[in-house]
């Protein structure tokens, strides 16, 4: 048994190939570990997941610092879910659970039929005909691009939300000091 696992590990393609990155996605999905997918999403998606968490923490701190009740409780209830997970992989895992990304992947994953590479972009086509887009990251590892648009959109929204929260907090502080 141990020898078979060692042989399989030796033959497993490197994650510096689209096929190897895809297989690591398959392993993470089959184990039900969305946080293990995180190293195999593209850099922009990873940065967005960290950004969402960072802005959530900044927003929470600003609300706790300056908002009066009942607005404080209302805002904290909205923000708290994003401050609990570990930044980056934890935020990604939360999104994967909430958006059903792992279940979606689980339904469609199958063996690799073909891989097309065009410079820093690649497409892995499965035996079921599903196509998965990948992009080569700066470190040479290939990252799945399926989730990037949503995470980037939400990271930009988190930045806008923080700006509004910070402005409102400033207004609350000015009003409190005028009393």
N, C-alpha and C. Protein backbone atom coordinates (compact mmCIF):
# COMPACT_ATOMS: atom_id res chain seq x y z
N UNK A 1 0.83 -1.19 0.00
CA UNK A 1 0.00 0.00 0.00
C UNK A 1 0.87 1.26 0.00
N UNK A 2 1.84 1.33 0.91
CA UNK A 2 2.71 2.49 1.00
C UNK A 2 3.52 2.69 -0.28
N UNK A 3 3.97 1.61 -0.88
CA UNK A 3 4.73 1.69 -2.12
C UNK A 3 3.86 2.19 -3.26
N UNK A 4 2.60 1.77 -3.29
CA UNK A 4 1.67 2.22 -4.33
C UNK A 4 1.40 3.72 -4.20
N UNK A 5 1.23 4.19 -2.98
CA UNK A 5 1.01 5.63 -2.77
C UNK A 5 2.24 6.43 -3.16
N UNK A 6 3.42 5.92 -2.83
CA UNK A 6 4.66 6.60 -3.19
C UNK A 6 4.81 6.65 -4.71
N UNK A 7 4.51 5.57 -5.39
CA UNK A 7 4.59 5.52 -6.85
C UNK A 7 3.59 6.50 -7.47
N UNK A 8 2.38 6.53 -6.93
CA UNK A 8 1.37 7.48 -7.45
C UNK A 8 1.83 8.92 -7.25
N UNK A 9 2.43 9.19 -6.09
CA UNK A 9 2.92 10.54 -5.82
C UNK A 9 4.02 10.93 -6.81
N UNK A 10 4.92 9.99 -7.10
CA UNK A 10 6.00 10.25 -8.05
C UNK A 10 5.46 10.53 -9.45
N UNK A 11 4.39 9.85 -9.83
CA UNK A 11 3.84 9.99 -11.17
C UNK A 11 2.84 11.14 -11.30
N UNK A 12 2.45 11.72 -10.19
CA UNK A 12 1.49 12.83 -10.20
C UNK A 12 2.13 14.03 -10.90
N UNK A 13 1.49 14.59 -11.92
CA UNK A 13 2.12 15.71 -12.62
C UNK A 13 2.30 16.93 -11.71
N UNK A 14 3.32 17.69 -11.96
CA UNK A 14 3.60 18.88 -11.17
C UNK A 14 2.51 19.93 -11.35
N UNK A 15 2.32 20.77 -10.33
CA UNK A 15 1.33 21.84 -10.44
C UNK A 15 1.85 22.99 -11.31
N UNK A 16 3.01 22.82 -11.86
CA UNK A 16 3.54 23.79 -12.82
C UNK A 16 3.12 23.43 -14.25
N UNK A 17 2.15 22.51 -14.32
CA UNK A 17 1.48 22.19 -15.58
C UNK A 17 -0.02 22.35 -15.33
N UNK A 18 -0.78 22.72 -16.36
CA UNK A 18 -2.24 22.84 -16.16
C UNK A 18 -2.86 21.52 -15.69
N UNK A 19 -2.39 20.41 -16.24
CA UNK A 19 -2.93 19.11 -15.86
C UNK A 19 -2.67 18.82 -14.38
N UNK A 20 -1.47 19.12 -13.90
CA UNK A 20 -1.14 18.90 -12.50
C UNK A 20 -1.96 19.78 -11.57
N UNK A 21 -2.16 21.05 -11.95
CA UNK A 21 -2.98 21.94 -11.15
C UNK A 21 -4.43 21.44 -11.13
N UNK A 22 -4.93 21.01 -12.28
CA UNK A 22 -6.29 20.48 -12.36
C UNK A 22 -6.45 19.28 -11.43
N UNK A 23 -5.49 18.37 -11.44
CA UNK A 23 -5.58 17.19 -10.57
C UNK A 23 -5.59 17.59 -9.10
N UNK A 24 -4.89 18.63 -8.74
CA UNK A 24 -4.90 19.08 -7.35
C UNK A 24 -6.26 19.69 -6.99
N UNK A 25 -6.88 20.34 -7.96
CA UNK A 25 -8.25 20.83 -7.76
C UNK A 25 -9.18 19.64 -7.53
N UNK A 26 -9.02 18.60 -8.33
CA UNK A 26 -9.85 17.39 -8.19
C UNK A 26 -9.68 16.79 -6.79
N UNK A 27 -8.44 16.70 -6.33
CA UNK A 27 -8.17 16.12 -5.01
C UNK A 27 -8.85 16.96 -3.92
N UNK A 28 -8.71 18.29 -4.00
CA UNK A 28 -9.32 19.16 -2.99
C UNK A 28 -10.84 19.03 -3.00
N UNK A 29 -11.42 18.97 -4.18
CA UNK A 29 -12.88 18.83 -4.29
C UNK A 29 -13.33 17.49 -3.74
N UNK A 30 -12.63 16.43 -4.11
CA UNK A 30 -13.01 15.09 -3.63
C UNK A 30 -12.87 14.96 -2.12
N UNK A 31 -11.96 15.71 -1.53
CA UNK A 31 -11.80 15.69 -0.08
C UNK A 31 -12.75 16.67 0.62
N UNK A 32 -13.45 17.47 -0.17
CA UNK A 32 -14.36 18.46 0.42
C UNK A 32 -13.61 19.56 1.15
N UNK A 33 -12.43 19.95 0.64
CA UNK A 33 -11.59 20.95 1.29
C UNK A 33 -11.40 22.16 0.38
N UNK A 34 -12.36 23.07 0.36
CA UNK A 34 -12.24 24.23 -0.54
C UNK A 34 -11.01 25.08 -0.25
N UNK A 35 -10.55 25.12 1.02
CA UNK A 35 -9.35 25.90 1.32
C UNK A 35 -8.12 25.31 0.63
N UNK A 36 -8.15 24.01 0.32
CA UNK A 36 -7.04 23.38 -0.40
C UNK A 36 -7.07 23.74 -1.88
N UNK A 37 -8.17 24.28 -2.37
CA UNK A 37 -8.26 24.79 -3.74
C UNK A 37 -7.52 26.11 -3.88
N UNK A 38 -7.42 26.84 -2.79
CA UNK A 38 -6.91 28.22 -2.83
C UNK A 38 -5.57 28.36 -3.55
N UNK A 39 -4.59 27.48 -3.33
CA UNK A 39 -3.33 27.63 -4.06
C UNK A 39 -3.47 27.44 -5.57
N UNK A 40 -4.61 26.91 -6.00
CA UNK A 40 -4.80 26.60 -7.41
C UNK A 40 -5.87 27.47 -8.07
N UNK A 41 -6.10 28.66 -7.50
CA UNK A 41 -6.87 29.69 -8.18
C UNK A 41 -5.87 30.78 -8.56
N UNK A 42 -6.23 31.56 -9.56
CA UNK A 42 -5.26 32.53 -10.05
C UNK A 42 -4.96 33.62 -9.02
N UNK A 43 -3.84 34.27 -9.20
CA UNK A 43 -3.34 35.27 -8.25
C UNK A 43 -4.35 36.36 -7.97
N UNK A 44 -4.99 36.86 -9.00
CA UNK A 44 -5.96 37.95 -8.82
C UNK A 44 -7.10 37.53 -7.88
N UNK A 45 -7.54 36.29 -8.00
CA UNK A 45 -8.59 35.77 -7.12
C UNK A 45 -8.07 35.64 -5.69
N UNK A 46 -6.83 35.20 -5.55
CA UNK A 46 -6.24 35.08 -4.22
C UNK A 46 -6.14 36.46 -3.56
N UNK A 47 -5.64 37.43 -4.31
CA UNK A 47 -5.54 38.78 -3.75
C UNK A 47 -6.90 39.33 -3.36
N UNK A 48 -7.90 39.06 -4.20
CA UNK A 48 -9.25 39.53 -3.90
C UNK A 48 -9.78 38.91 -2.61
N UNK A 49 -9.50 37.63 -2.39
CA UNK A 49 -9.97 36.97 -1.16
C UNK A 49 -9.31 37.59 0.07
N UNK A 50 -8.03 37.91 -0.03
CA UNK A 50 -7.36 38.60 1.09
C UNK A 50 -7.93 40.01 1.27
N UNK A 51 -8.19 40.70 0.17
CA UNK A 51 -8.71 42.06 0.23
C UNK A 51 -10.08 42.11 0.88
N UNK A 52 -10.95 41.17 0.54
CA UNK A 52 -12.28 41.10 1.14
C UNK A 52 -12.16 40.98 2.66
N UNK A 53 -11.31 40.08 3.11
CA UNK A 53 -11.11 39.89 4.54
C UNK A 53 -10.52 41.12 5.22
N UNK A 54 -9.54 41.74 4.56
CA UNK A 54 -8.91 42.94 5.13
C UNK A 54 -9.91 44.08 5.29
N UNK A 55 -10.69 44.33 4.25
CA UNK A 55 -11.67 45.42 4.35
C UNK A 55 -12.76 45.09 5.36
N UNK A 56 -13.13 43.84 5.47
CA UNK A 56 -14.14 43.46 6.48
C UNK A 56 -13.61 43.76 7.88
N UNK A 57 -12.36 43.44 8.14
CA UNK A 57 -11.77 43.69 9.46
C UNK A 57 -11.65 45.20 9.74
N UNK A 58 -11.23 45.95 8.73
CA UNK A 58 -11.14 47.41 8.89
C UNK A 58 -12.52 48.01 9.13
N UNK A 59 -13.50 47.53 8.39
CA UNK A 59 -14.87 48.03 8.55
C UNK A 59 -15.39 47.72 9.94
N UNK A 60 -15.16 46.49 10.40
CA UNK A 60 -15.62 46.10 11.73
C UNK A 60 -14.99 46.98 12.80
N UNK A 61 -13.70 47.21 12.70
CA UNK A 61 -13.01 48.04 13.68
C UNK A 61 -13.55 49.47 13.68
N UNK A 62 -13.80 49.99 12.50
CA UNK A 62 -14.31 51.36 12.39
C UNK A 62 -15.72 51.47 12.96
N UNK A 63 -16.56 50.48 12.68
CA UNK A 63 -17.93 50.47 13.21
C UNK A 63 -17.89 50.38 14.73
N UNK A 64 -17.09 49.46 15.26
CA UNK A 64 -16.99 49.31 16.71
C UNK A 64 -16.47 50.59 17.37
N UNK A 65 -15.62 51.29 16.68
CA UNK A 65 -14.99 52.50 17.23
C UNK A 65 -15.95 53.69 17.25
N UNK A 66 -16.78 53.85 16.22
CA UNK A 66 -17.48 55.11 16.09
C UNK A 66 -19.00 55.04 15.95
N UNK A 67 -19.55 53.93 15.57
CA UNK A 67 -20.99 53.88 15.33
C UNK A 67 -21.75 53.79 16.65
N UNK A 68 -22.84 54.55 16.76
CA UNK A 68 -23.72 54.41 17.94
C UNK A 68 -24.72 53.27 17.72
N UNK A 69 -25.30 52.82 18.80
CA UNK A 69 -26.38 51.82 18.70
C UNK A 69 -27.63 52.52 18.20
N UNK A 70 -28.50 51.93 17.47
CA UNK A 70 -28.56 50.55 17.01
C UNK A 70 -27.79 50.30 15.71
N UNK A 71 -27.25 51.38 15.12
CA UNK A 71 -26.53 51.24 13.84
C UNK A 71 -25.32 50.31 13.98
N UNK A 72 -24.66 50.38 15.12
CA UNK A 72 -23.49 49.52 15.34
C UNK A 72 -23.87 48.04 15.22
N UNK A 73 -24.88 47.63 15.94
CA UNK A 73 -25.30 46.22 15.92
C UNK A 73 -25.73 45.79 14.52
N UNK A 74 -26.44 46.65 13.84
CA UNK A 74 -26.93 46.33 12.49
C UNK A 74 -25.75 46.13 11.53
N UNK A 75 -24.80 47.04 11.55
CA UNK A 75 -23.63 46.92 10.66
C UNK A 75 -22.75 45.74 11.02
N UNK A 76 -22.55 45.52 12.32
CA UNK A 76 -21.71 44.39 12.74
C UNK A 76 -22.32 43.06 12.33
N UNK A 77 -23.63 42.95 12.38
CA UNK A 77 -24.30 41.72 11.96
C UNK A 77 -24.03 41.46 10.48
N UNK A 78 -23.97 42.51 9.69
CA UNK A 78 -23.72 42.39 8.25
C UNK A 78 -22.26 42.04 7.96
N UNK A 79 -21.35 42.61 8.73
CA UNK A 79 -19.91 42.50 8.47
C UNK A 79 -19.29 41.25 9.10
N UNK A 80 -19.76 40.83 10.25
CA UNK A 80 -19.10 39.79 11.04
C UNK A 80 -18.80 38.50 10.29
N UNK A 81 -19.68 38.07 9.40
CA UNK A 81 -19.46 36.80 8.69
C UNK A 81 -18.15 36.81 7.91
N UNK A 82 -17.74 37.98 7.44
CA UNK A 82 -16.50 38.08 6.66
C UNK A 82 -15.26 38.26 7.53
N UNK A 83 -15.44 38.48 8.83
CA UNK A 83 -14.28 38.66 9.70
C UNK A 83 -13.90 37.38 10.43
N UNK A 84 -14.75 36.37 10.35
CA UNK A 84 -14.49 35.11 11.06
C UNK A 84 -13.46 34.24 10.35
N UNK A 85 -13.60 34.00 9.02
CA UNK A 85 -12.66 33.08 8.38
C UNK A 85 -11.23 33.65 8.32
N UNK A 86 -10.30 32.73 8.14
CA UNK A 86 -8.91 33.10 7.92
C UNK A 86 -8.85 33.92 6.63
N UNK A 87 -8.10 35.03 6.63
CA UNK A 87 -7.97 35.80 5.38
C UNK A 87 -7.44 34.92 4.25
N UNK A 88 -7.88 35.18 3.06
CA UNK A 88 -7.42 34.43 1.89
C UNK A 88 -8.10 33.08 1.78
N UNK A 89 -7.44 31.99 2.19
CA UNK A 89 -8.04 30.66 2.03
C UNK A 89 -9.38 30.51 2.76
N UNK A 90 -9.51 31.10 3.92
CA UNK A 90 -10.76 31.01 4.67
C UNK A 90 -11.90 31.74 3.99
N UNK A 91 -11.61 32.93 3.48
CA UNK A 91 -12.62 33.69 2.73
C UNK A 91 -13.01 32.91 1.48
N UNK A 92 -12.01 32.37 0.78
CA UNK A 92 -12.32 31.57 -0.41
C UNK A 92 -13.21 30.39 -0.05
N UNK A 93 -12.89 29.68 1.02
CA UNK A 93 -13.69 28.53 1.45
C UNK A 93 -15.11 28.94 1.81
N UNK A 94 -15.25 30.10 2.45
CA UNK A 94 -16.58 30.60 2.79
C UNK A 94 -17.40 30.86 1.52
N UNK A 95 -16.77 31.52 0.54
CA UNK A 95 -17.44 31.76 -0.73
C UNK A 95 -17.77 30.45 -1.43
N UNK A 96 -16.84 29.51 -1.42
CA UNK A 96 -17.06 28.22 -2.08
C UNK A 96 -18.28 27.52 -1.49
N UNK A 97 -18.42 27.59 -0.18
CA UNK A 97 -19.57 26.96 0.48
C UNK A 97 -20.85 27.73 0.16
N UNK A 98 -20.79 29.04 0.29
CA UNK A 98 -21.98 29.87 0.09
C UNK A 98 -22.47 29.83 -1.35
N UNK A 99 -21.54 29.84 -2.30
CA UNK A 99 -21.89 29.89 -3.72
C UNK A 99 -22.03 28.51 -4.36
N UNK A 100 -21.72 27.45 -3.61
CA UNK A 100 -21.84 26.10 -4.15
C UNK A 100 -20.76 25.73 -5.15
N UNK A 101 -19.60 26.40 -5.06
CA UNK A 101 -18.54 26.17 -6.05
C UNK A 101 -18.02 24.73 -6.00
N UNK A 102 -17.84 24.18 -4.82
CA UNK A 102 -17.31 22.82 -4.71
C UNK A 102 -18.31 21.81 -5.28
N UNK A 103 -19.58 22.00 -4.98
CA UNK A 103 -20.60 21.10 -5.53
C UNK A 103 -20.65 21.19 -7.05
N UNK A 104 -20.52 22.39 -7.56
CA UNK A 104 -20.50 22.59 -9.02
C UNK A 104 -19.33 21.84 -9.63
N UNK A 105 -18.16 22.00 -9.03
CA UNK A 105 -16.98 21.31 -9.54
C UNK A 105 -17.14 19.80 -9.41
N UNK A 106 -17.67 19.36 -8.30
CA UNK A 106 -17.82 17.91 -8.05
C UNK A 106 -18.67 17.26 -9.15
N UNK A 107 -19.70 17.95 -9.60
CA UNK A 107 -20.57 17.40 -10.65
C UNK A 107 -19.86 17.28 -11.99
N UNK A 108 -18.92 18.20 -12.26
CA UNK A 108 -18.33 18.30 -13.60
C UNK A 108 -16.94 17.70 -13.73
N UNK A 109 -16.25 17.43 -12.62
CA UNK A 109 -14.88 16.96 -12.72
C UNK A 109 -14.83 15.54 -13.26
N UNK A 110 -13.87 15.30 -14.12
CA UNK A 110 -13.62 13.96 -14.64
C UNK A 110 -12.18 13.94 -15.14
N UNK A 111 -11.79 12.86 -15.77
CA UNK A 111 -10.41 12.74 -16.26
C UNK A 111 -10.10 13.77 -17.34
N UNK A 112 -8.84 14.03 -17.53
CA UNK A 112 -8.40 15.00 -18.52
C UNK A 112 -8.41 14.37 -19.91
N UNK A 113 -9.12 15.01 -20.83
CA UNK A 113 -9.13 14.56 -22.22
C UNK A 113 -8.05 15.27 -23.01
N UNK A 114 -7.95 16.60 -22.80
CA UNK A 114 -6.94 17.36 -23.53
C UNK A 114 -6.58 18.62 -22.76
N UNK A 115 -5.43 19.17 -23.10
CA UNK A 115 -4.97 20.43 -22.52
C UNK A 115 -4.46 21.30 -23.66
N UNK A 116 -5.00 22.50 -23.76
CA UNK A 116 -4.51 23.46 -24.75
C UNK A 116 -3.83 24.60 -23.99
N UNK A 117 -2.59 24.87 -24.35
CA UNK A 117 -1.82 25.93 -23.70
C UNK A 117 -1.51 27.00 -24.75
N UNK A 118 -1.79 28.25 -24.38
CA UNK A 118 -1.45 29.40 -25.23
C UNK A 118 -0.76 30.41 -24.34
N UNK A 119 0.56 30.38 -24.32
CA UNK A 119 1.40 31.22 -23.48
C UNK A 119 1.05 31.03 -22.01
N UNK A 120 0.49 32.06 -21.35
CA UNK A 120 0.19 31.97 -19.92
C UNK A 120 -1.24 31.55 -19.62
N UNK A 121 -1.95 31.13 -20.63
CA UNK A 121 -3.33 30.67 -20.46
C UNK A 121 -3.44 29.22 -20.94
N UNK A 122 -4.32 28.49 -20.30
CA UNK A 122 -4.53 27.10 -20.70
C UNK A 122 -5.99 26.72 -20.45
N UNK A 123 -6.42 25.72 -21.18
CA UNK A 123 -7.75 25.15 -20.99
C UNK A 123 -7.60 23.65 -20.84
N UNK A 124 -8.15 23.15 -19.75
CA UNK A 124 -8.19 21.71 -19.52
C UNK A 124 -9.59 21.26 -19.90
N UNK A 125 -9.67 20.33 -20.85
CA UNK A 125 -10.96 19.78 -21.24
C UNK A 125 -11.06 18.38 -20.65
N UNK A 126 -12.17 18.13 -19.97
CA UNK A 126 -12.36 16.84 -19.30
C UNK A 126 -13.01 15.82 -20.24
N UNK A 127 -13.03 14.58 -19.80
CA UNK A 127 -13.68 13.52 -20.56
C UNK A 127 -15.16 13.79 -20.76
N UNK A 128 -15.76 14.57 -19.85
CA UNK A 128 -17.18 14.94 -19.96
C UNK A 128 -17.39 16.14 -20.86
N UNK A 129 -16.30 16.73 -21.34
CA UNK A 129 -16.40 17.88 -22.24
C UNK A 129 -16.40 19.23 -21.54
N UNK A 130 -16.27 19.25 -20.24
CA UNK A 130 -16.21 20.52 -19.51
C UNK A 130 -14.83 21.13 -19.70
N UNK A 131 -14.81 22.43 -19.90
CA UNK A 131 -13.54 23.14 -20.11
C UNK A 131 -13.26 24.03 -18.90
N UNK A 132 -12.06 23.90 -18.38
CA UNK A 132 -11.64 24.69 -17.22
C UNK A 132 -10.49 25.61 -17.62
N UNK A 133 -10.68 26.93 -17.45
CA UNK A 133 -9.62 27.88 -17.81
C UNK A 133 -8.61 28.05 -16.67
N UNK A 134 -7.35 28.09 -17.03
CA UNK A 134 -6.26 28.30 -16.09
C UNK A 134 -5.37 29.42 -16.60
N UNK A 135 -4.68 30.04 -15.67
CA UNK A 135 -3.67 31.06 -16.00
C UNK A 135 -2.42 30.75 -15.19
N UNK A 136 -1.26 30.87 -15.85
CA UNK A 136 0.00 30.64 -15.15
C UNK A 136 0.26 31.82 -14.23
N UNK A 137 0.52 31.50 -12.96
CA UNK A 137 0.80 32.53 -11.97
C UNK A 137 2.30 32.88 -11.99
N UNK A 138 2.65 33.92 -11.29
CA UNK A 138 4.02 34.41 -11.26
C UNK A 138 5.00 33.35 -10.75
N UNK A 139 4.53 32.48 -9.87
CA UNK A 139 5.38 31.45 -9.29
C UNK A 139 5.43 30.18 -10.14
N UNK A 140 4.77 30.20 -11.31
CA UNK A 140 4.79 29.06 -12.21
C UNK A 140 3.65 28.08 -12.01
N UNK A 141 2.94 28.19 -10.90
CA UNK A 141 1.80 27.31 -10.65
C UNK A 141 0.61 27.82 -11.47
N UNK A 142 -0.15 26.89 -12.00
CA UNK A 142 -1.32 27.26 -12.78
C UNK A 142 -2.52 27.44 -11.86
N UNK A 143 -3.29 28.52 -12.09
CA UNK A 143 -4.45 28.83 -11.25
C UNK A 143 -5.74 28.84 -12.04
N UNK A 144 -6.75 28.21 -11.49
CA UNK A 144 -8.09 28.16 -12.07
C UNK A 144 -8.69 29.57 -12.04
N UNK A 145 -9.31 29.98 -13.14
CA UNK A 145 -9.83 31.34 -13.24
C UNK A 145 -11.34 31.45 -13.05
N UNK A 146 -12.00 30.34 -12.76
CA UNK A 146 -13.47 30.33 -12.66
C UNK A 146 -14.05 31.32 -11.66
N UNK A 147 -13.34 31.58 -10.59
CA UNK A 147 -13.91 32.33 -9.47
C UNK A 147 -13.40 33.77 -9.40
N UNK A 148 -12.51 34.13 -10.29
CA UNK A 148 -11.85 35.43 -10.21
C UNK A 148 -12.81 36.60 -10.32
N UNK A 149 -13.69 36.57 -11.31
CA UNK A 149 -14.58 37.72 -11.53
C UNK A 149 -15.42 38.01 -10.29
N UNK A 150 -15.99 36.98 -9.68
CA UNK A 150 -16.84 37.20 -8.50
C UNK A 150 -16.04 37.74 -7.34
N UNK A 151 -14.86 37.16 -7.09
CA UNK A 151 -14.05 37.61 -5.95
C UNK A 151 -13.54 39.03 -6.17
N UNK A 152 -13.12 39.36 -7.37
CA UNK A 152 -12.63 40.72 -7.65
C UNK A 152 -13.77 41.72 -7.51
N UNK A 153 -14.93 41.37 -8.04
CA UNK A 153 -16.11 42.25 -7.91
C UNK A 153 -16.41 42.51 -6.44
N UNK A 154 -16.39 41.47 -5.63
CA UNK A 154 -16.71 41.64 -4.21
C UNK A 154 -15.59 42.35 -3.45
N UNK A 155 -14.34 42.22 -3.90
CA UNK A 155 -13.26 42.96 -3.23
C UNK A 155 -13.40 44.46 -3.53
N UNK A 156 -13.81 44.79 -4.75
CA UNK A 156 -14.04 46.20 -5.09
C UNK A 156 -15.22 46.75 -4.30
N UNK A 157 -16.25 45.94 -4.14
CA UNK A 157 -17.40 46.34 -3.34
C UNK A 157 -16.99 46.54 -1.88
N UNK A 158 -16.14 45.67 -1.36
CA UNK A 158 -15.67 45.79 0.02
C UNK A 158 -14.92 47.10 0.21
N UNK A 159 -14.14 47.51 -0.79
CA UNK A 159 -13.40 48.78 -0.71
C UNK A 159 -14.38 49.96 -0.70
N UNK A 160 -15.39 49.90 -1.55
CA UNK A 160 -16.40 50.97 -1.57
C UNK A 160 -17.18 51.01 -0.26
N UNK A 161 -17.55 49.83 0.25
CA UNK A 161 -18.28 49.76 1.52
C UNK A 161 -17.45 50.36 2.65
N UNK A 162 -16.15 50.03 2.68
CA UNK A 162 -15.30 50.58 3.74
C UNK A 162 -15.25 52.11 3.64
N UNK A 163 -15.14 52.63 2.44
CA UNK A 163 -15.10 54.09 2.28
C UNK A 163 -16.37 54.73 2.85
N UNK A 164 -17.52 54.12 2.60
CA UNK A 164 -18.77 54.65 3.13
C UNK A 164 -18.84 54.50 4.66
N UNK A 165 -18.39 53.36 5.15
CA UNK A 165 -18.39 53.13 6.60
C UNK A 165 -17.46 54.12 7.29
N UNK A 166 -16.30 54.34 6.70
CA UNK A 166 -15.33 55.28 7.28
C UNK A 166 -15.89 56.70 7.28
N UNK A 167 -16.55 57.09 6.19
CA UNK A 167 -17.15 58.43 6.12
C UNK A 167 -18.26 58.58 7.16
N UNK A 168 -19.10 57.56 7.29
CA UNK A 168 -20.17 57.61 8.28
C UNK A 168 -19.59 57.64 9.69
N UNK A 169 -18.55 56.86 9.93
CA UNK A 169 -17.90 56.85 11.25
C UNK A 169 -17.35 58.23 11.57
N UNK A 170 -16.75 58.86 10.58
CA UNK A 170 -16.23 60.22 10.78
C UNK A 170 -17.38 61.17 11.15
N UNK A 171 -18.49 61.07 10.43
CA UNK A 171 -19.64 61.91 10.73
C UNK A 171 -20.16 61.67 12.15
N UNK A 172 -20.23 60.41 12.55
CA UNK A 172 -20.66 60.08 13.93
C UNK A 172 -19.70 60.68 14.95
N UNK A 173 -18.41 60.62 14.67
CA UNK A 173 -17.42 61.18 15.60
C UNK A 173 -17.53 62.69 15.70
N UNK A 174 -17.76 63.35 14.59
CA UNK A 174 -17.93 64.82 14.59
C UNK A 174 -19.18 65.18 15.36
N UNK A 175 -20.28 64.46 15.13
CA UNK A 175 -21.52 64.73 15.85
C UNK A 175 -21.36 64.50 17.34
N UNK A 176 -20.65 63.45 17.70
CA UNK A 176 -20.44 63.15 19.14
C UNK A 176 -19.58 64.21 19.81
N UNK A 177 -18.60 64.74 19.10
CA UNK A 177 -17.72 65.74 19.71
C UNK A 177 -18.40 67.11 19.79
N UNK A 178 -19.44 67.31 18.99
CA UNK A 178 -20.17 68.59 19.00
C UNK A 178 -21.16 68.67 20.15
N UNK A 179 -21.45 67.53 20.80
CA UNK A 179 -22.42 67.52 21.90
C UNK A 179 -21.85 68.06 23.16
